[in-house]
């Protein structure tokens, strides 16, 4: 499994419908299990099963959608519909309290992939009045949304993470080290246990752990690039450094 901080898991309430100015929060909630899944492009592993676990005291209505995962160099995501490349059954479910609804997802896309493709599975609570009237004083309904990570990974795919560019950049917030990391491999790579080695004519240092806050644990999809702004190490002076990257684990 991959580290959850890289997954942008949205288990918090994203939408709140205020039924009255003062009220209690609805107890309806659920979990998506698992939050990360790998599919094969063909064969038995092209079909996988997720679970919607309702740990609340009320039934919950949930809709499941599959979307593409397009990540910009700054880490921002665009999530267009995946179209007919997945079959989801059922794509809507009414889950009773303390029960699990199984969701089967099948890859219908290309069986011969040159590199891994990345998607998200979105499980979103539907704003449905399930039963009864609101309690005295009304209530607030919290609509929960999960965004899980889905990868369709060909056999033998591997990540290949490397520094493409390291530069000294003056920003409104001060001087920063701008590092662009490319994944030239065929599988996503997670920057776990990253060590960034920097060298100029006058100095050489290594950054790791808290010094790489904002880079450590981040995900670089196959064929993608990510750009990170880090505090500028004063010991480097003003010369742009050469840089190399090591990772403890890219998965």
Protein backbone atom coordinates (compact mmCIF):
# COMPACT_ATOMS: atom_id res chain seq x y z
CA UNK A 1 0.00 0.00 0.00
CA UNK A 2 1.02 3.57 -0.60
CA UNK A 3 1.30 6.30 1.96
CA UNK A 4 -2.05 7.93 2.56
CA UNK A 5 -0.80 11.58 2.72
CA UNK A 6 0.06 11.32 -0.99
CA UNK A 7 -3.38 10.22 -1.95
CA UNK A 8 -5.33 13.38 -1.11
CA UNK A 9 -7.99 11.34 0.68
CA UNK A 10 -10.99 13.55 1.27
CA UNK A 11 -12.80 12.06 4.21
CA UNK A 12 -13.84 15.45 5.54
CA UNK A 13 -17.23 16.99 4.84
CA UNK A 14 -17.12 18.87 1.53
CA UNK A 15 -20.75 19.91 1.32
CA UNK A 16 -23.04 20.96 4.15
CA UNK A 17 -26.74 21.53 3.60
CA UNK A 18 -28.13 23.79 6.29
CA UNK A 19 -31.74 22.80 6.93
CA UNK A 20 -32.19 25.25 9.76
CA UNK A 21 -30.07 27.93 11.35
CA UNK A 22 -29.49 25.78 14.42
CA UNK A 23 -29.45 22.00 14.44
CA UNK A 24 -27.59 18.79 15.08
CA UNK A 25 -25.29 17.05 12.62
CA UNK A 26 -26.60 13.95 10.89
CA UNK A 27 -24.84 10.72 11.93
CA UNK A 28 -24.83 9.23 8.41
CA UNK A 29 -21.27 8.41 7.31
CA UNK A 30 -19.30 5.69 5.53
CA UNK A 31 -15.82 4.45 4.61
CA UNK A 32 -14.37 3.45 1.25
CA UNK A 33 -12.24 0.29 1.56
CA UNK A 34 -9.51 0.12 0.33
CA UNK A 35 -8.45 3.65 -0.56
CA UNK A 36 -5.76 2.49 -3.04
CA UNK A 37 -6.16 -0.25 -5.66
CA UNK A 38 -4.09 -1.55 -8.57
CA UNK A 39 -5.66 -3.19 -11.62
CA UNK A 40 -4.02 -5.26 -14.32
CA UNK A 41 -4.88 -4.24 -17.90
CA UNK A 42 -6.23 -7.75 -18.59
CA UNK A 43 -6.96 -11.04 -16.88
CA UNK A 44 -8.47 -11.70 -13.47
CA UNK A 45 -6.81 -8.69 -11.84
CA UNK A 46 -8.58 -6.37 -14.30
CA UNK A 47 -11.59 -6.72 -11.95
CA UNK A 48 -11.31 -5.57 -8.35
CA UNK A 49 -13.70 -5.18 -5.43
CA UNK A 50 -14.19 -2.20 -3.13
CA UNK A 51 -16.34 -2.01 -0.02
CA UNK A 52 -18.63 0.72 1.27
CA UNK A 53 -18.78 0.30 5.03
CA UNK A 54 -21.55 2.19 6.81
CA UNK A 55 -20.51 2.62 10.44
CA UNK A 56 -23.36 5.02 11.22
CA UNK A 57 -26.73 4.54 12.89
CA UNK A 58 -28.67 5.46 9.74
CA UNK A 59 -28.73 4.13 6.17
CA UNK A 60 -26.49 5.98 3.73
CA UNK A 61 -26.89 6.44 -0.02
CA UNK A 62 -23.63 6.46 -1.99
CA UNK A 63 -22.74 6.99 -5.66
CA UNK A 64 -19.53 5.63 -7.21
CA UNK A 65 -17.79 7.31 -10.15
CA UNK A 66 -14.50 6.70 -11.95
CA UNK A 67 -12.51 9.69 -13.21
CA UNK A 68 -9.15 10.27 -14.87
CA UNK A 69 -6.39 11.71 -12.71
CA UNK A 70 -4.43 14.44 -14.48
CA UNK A 71 -1.81 16.11 -12.27
CA UNK A 72 -0.21 19.46 -13.08
CA UNK A 73 3.42 20.28 -12.38
CA UNK A 74 2.28 22.12 -9.22
CA UNK A 75 0.36 19.07 -7.95
CA UNK A 76 -3.09 20.41 -8.86
CA UNK A 77 -5.49 17.76 -10.14
CA UNK A 78 -8.05 17.71 -12.93
CA UNK A 79 -10.59 14.87 -12.81
CA UNK A 80 -12.44 14.42 -16.11
CA UNK A 81 -14.86 11.46 -16.42
CA UNK A 82 -13.23 8.13 -17.28
CA UNK A 83 -15.96 7.42 -19.81
CA UNK A 84 -16.60 3.80 -20.68
CA UNK A 85 -13.19 2.49 -19.58
CA UNK A 86 -14.62 1.09 -16.33
CA UNK A 87 -17.72 -0.86 -15.45
CA UNK A 88 -18.93 -0.18 -11.89
CA UNK A 89 -21.59 -2.40 -10.31
CA UNK A 90 -23.56 -1.20 -8.55
CA UNK A 91 -22.75 2.46 -9.16
CA UNK A 92 -25.29 3.52 -6.53
CA UNK A 93 -26.08 1.80 -3.26
CA UNK A 94 -28.23 2.27 -0.18
CA UNK A 95 -26.18 0.77 2.64
CA UNK A 96 -27.94 -0.18 5.91
CA UNK A 97 -26.34 0.70 9.26
CA UNK A 98 -23.29 -1.37 10.25
CA UNK A 99 -23.21 -3.22 6.94
CA UNK A 100 -20.81 -3.49 3.98
CA UNK A 101 -21.84 -3.05 0.34
CA UNK A 102 -19.39 -4.60 -2.14
CA UNK A 103 -18.67 -2.65 -5.33
CA UNK A 104 -17.17 -4.48 -8.31
CA UNK A 105 -15.07 -2.41 -10.70
CA UNK A 106 -13.84 -3.81 -14.03
CA UNK A 107 -11.29 -2.26 -16.37
CA UNK A 108 -12.65 -2.21 -19.93
CA UNK A 109 -9.90 -0.10 -21.49
CA UNK A 110 -6.77 -1.03 -23.42
CA UNK A 111 -5.30 -4.42 -22.61
CA UNK A 112 -1.83 -3.48 -23.93
CA UNK A 113 -0.47 -0.46 -22.03
CA UNK A 114 2.96 1.09 -22.53
CA UNK A 115 2.83 2.63 -19.04
CA UNK A 116 0.60 2.85 -16.01
CA UNK A 117 -2.59 4.93 -16.13
CA UNK A 118 -3.88 6.78 -13.07
CA UNK A 119 -7.52 7.30 -12.08
CA UNK A 120 -9.56 8.14 -9.00
CA UNK A 121 -12.57 6.31 -7.61
CA UNK A 122 -15.00 8.79 -6.07
CA UNK A 123 -17.50 7.62 -3.48
CA UNK A 124 -19.93 10.39 -2.65
CA UNK A 125 -22.84 10.47 -0.28
CA UNK A 126 -26.10 11.39 -1.98
CA UNK A 127 -28.38 14.08 -0.49
CA UNK A 128 -31.36 11.77 -0.04
CA UNK A 129 -34.02 12.05 2.68
CA UNK A 130 -34.05 8.40 3.71
CA UNK A 131 -36.70 8.22 6.39
CA UNK A 132 -38.65 10.21 8.93
CA UNK A 133 -38.79 13.92 9.57
CA UNK A 134 -35.94 16.05 10.89
CA UNK A 135 -35.70 16.11 14.69
CA UNK A 136 -37.03 19.16 16.55
CA UNK A 137 -34.80 22.10 15.76
CA UNK A 138 -33.69 20.56 12.47
CA UNK A 139 -30.24 19.20 11.63
CA UNK A 140 -27.25 19.70 9.35
CA UNK A 141 -26.65 16.94 6.79
CA UNK A 142 -22.94 16.39 6.10
CA UNK A 143 -22.28 14.87 2.69
CA UNK A 144 -19.07 12.85 2.76
CA UNK A 145 -16.83 12.32 -0.28
CA UNK A 146 -13.86 9.98 -0.64
CA UNK A 147 -11.31 10.15 -3.45
CA UNK A 148 -9.33 6.92 -3.72
CA UNK A 149 -6.38 6.18 -6.00
CA UNK A 150 -6.70 3.63 -8.82
CA UNK A 151 -3.84 2.52 -11.05
CA UNK A 152 -3.99 0.32 -14.13
CA UNK A 153 -0.47 -1.08 -14.16
CA UNK A 154 1.12 -3.21 -16.88
CA UNK A 155 3.38 -6.09 -15.86
CA UNK A 156 6.98 -5.06 -15.23
CA UNK A 157 6.24 -1.34 -14.82
CA UNK A 158 8.76 0.56 -12.68
CA UNK A 159 9.25 4.16 -11.61
CA UNK A 160 12.35 6.21 -12.45
CA UNK A 161 12.57 9.43 -10.44
CA UNK A 162 15.26 12.00 -11.14
CA UNK A 163 15.93 15.72 -10.69
CA UNK A 164 15.31 17.49 -13.96
CA UNK A 165 16.23 20.98 -12.74
CA UNK A 166 17.33 22.75 -9.56
CA UNK A 167 17.41 26.55 -9.47
CA UNK A 168 17.59 29.52 -7.09
CA UNK A 169 14.34 31.45 -7.34
CA UNK A 170 13.38 34.77 -5.75
CA UNK A 171 9.69 34.80 -4.76
CA UNK A 172 7.44 37.15 -2.79
CA UNK A 173 8.03 34.86 0.20
CA UNK A 174 11.80 35.01 -0.15
CA UNK A 175 14.52 32.99 -1.86
CA UNK A 176 13.55 29.42 -2.66
CA UNK A 177 15.12 26.29 -4.08
CA UNK A 178 12.98 25.30 -7.08
CA UNK A 179 13.32 21.58 -7.78
CA UNK A 180 11.66 19.83 -10.72
CA UNK A 181 11.44 16.04 -10.46
CA UNK A 182 10.56 13.91 -13.45
CA UNK A 183 9.30 10.33 -13.46
CA UNK A 184 10.71 8.82 -16.64
CA UNK A 185 9.46 5.37 -15.70
CA UNK A 186 6.29 3.46 -16.47
CA UNK A 187 4.86 3.38 -12.93
CA UNK A 188 4.04 6.11 -10.41
CA UNK A 189 6.71 6.86 -7.81
CA UNK A 190 6.21 8.14 -4.26
CA UNK A 191 9.01 10.21 -2.73
CA UNK A 192 9.37 8.21 0.47
CA UNK A 193 12.62 8.68 2.43
CA UNK A 194 13.85 11.21 -0.14
CA UNK A 195 17.42 12.54 0.05
CA UNK A 196 18.32 15.51 -2.16
CA UNK A 197 22.04 16.04 -2.75
CA UNK A 198 23.04 19.57 -3.81
CA UNK A 199 26.44 20.71 -4.99
CA UNK A 200 27.97 24.00 -6.12
CA UNK A 201 31.57 25.02 -6.76
CA UNK A 202 31.86 26.07 -3.11
CA UNK A 203 29.65 23.68 -1.13
CA UNK A 204 27.83 20.37 -1.04
CA UNK A 205 24.94 19.40 1.24
CA UNK A 206 22.19 16.82 1.61
CA UNK A 207 18.57 17.63 2.47
CA UNK A 208 16.19 15.07 3.95
CA UNK A 209 13.33 14.63 6.40
CA UNK A 210 11.81 17.91 7.61
CA UNK A 211 14.16 19.85 5.29
CA UNK A 212 12.15 18.42 2.38
CA UNK A 213 8.73 19.28 3.78
CA UNK A 214 6.35 19.61 0.82
CA UNK A 215 8.36 17.14 -1.28
CA UNK A 216 8.67 14.13 1.05
CA UNK A 217 5.90 11.58 0.44
CA UNK A 218 4.61 13.23 -2.73
CA UNK A 219 3.48 11.18 -5.73
CA UNK A 220 4.87 11.62 -9.26
CA UNK A 221 2.78 9.78 -11.84
CA UNK A 222 4.39 7.86 -14.69
CA UNK A 223 5.58 10.25 -17.40
CA UNK A 224 4.82 13.30 -15.22
CA UNK A 225 6.85 16.11 -13.67
CA UNK A 226 6.41 17.86 -10.30
CA UNK A 227 7.93 21.16 -9.22
CA UNK A 228 8.60 21.93 -5.56
CA UNK A 229 9.65 25.15 -3.81
CA UNK A 230 11.87 24.55 -0.77
CA UNK A 231 13.69 26.92 1.60
CA UNK A 232 16.97 28.06 0.07
CA UNK A 233 20.02 26.60 1.88
CA UNK A 234 22.12 29.65 2.75
CA UNK A 235 25.33 27.59 2.67
CA UNK A 236 25.00 27.34 -1.13
CA UNK A 237 25.46 31.07 -1.59
CA UNK A 238 23.79 32.35 -4.75
CA UNK A 239 24.93 29.74 -7.27
CA UNK A 240 22.37 27.37 -8.75
CA UNK A 241 23.34 23.85 -7.67
CA UNK A 242 23.54 20.54 -9.46
CA UNK A 243 21.18 18.05 -7.79
CA UNK A 244 20.64 14.32 -7.50
CA UNK A 245 17.83 12.42 -5.79
CA UNK A 246 17.69 9.18 -3.81
CA UNK A 247 14.53 7.64 -2.43
CA UNK A 248 14.21 4.95 0.20
CA UNK A 249 11.13 3.58 -1.55
CA UNK A 250 9.30 4.81 -4.61
CA UNK A 251 6.16 2.87 -3.64
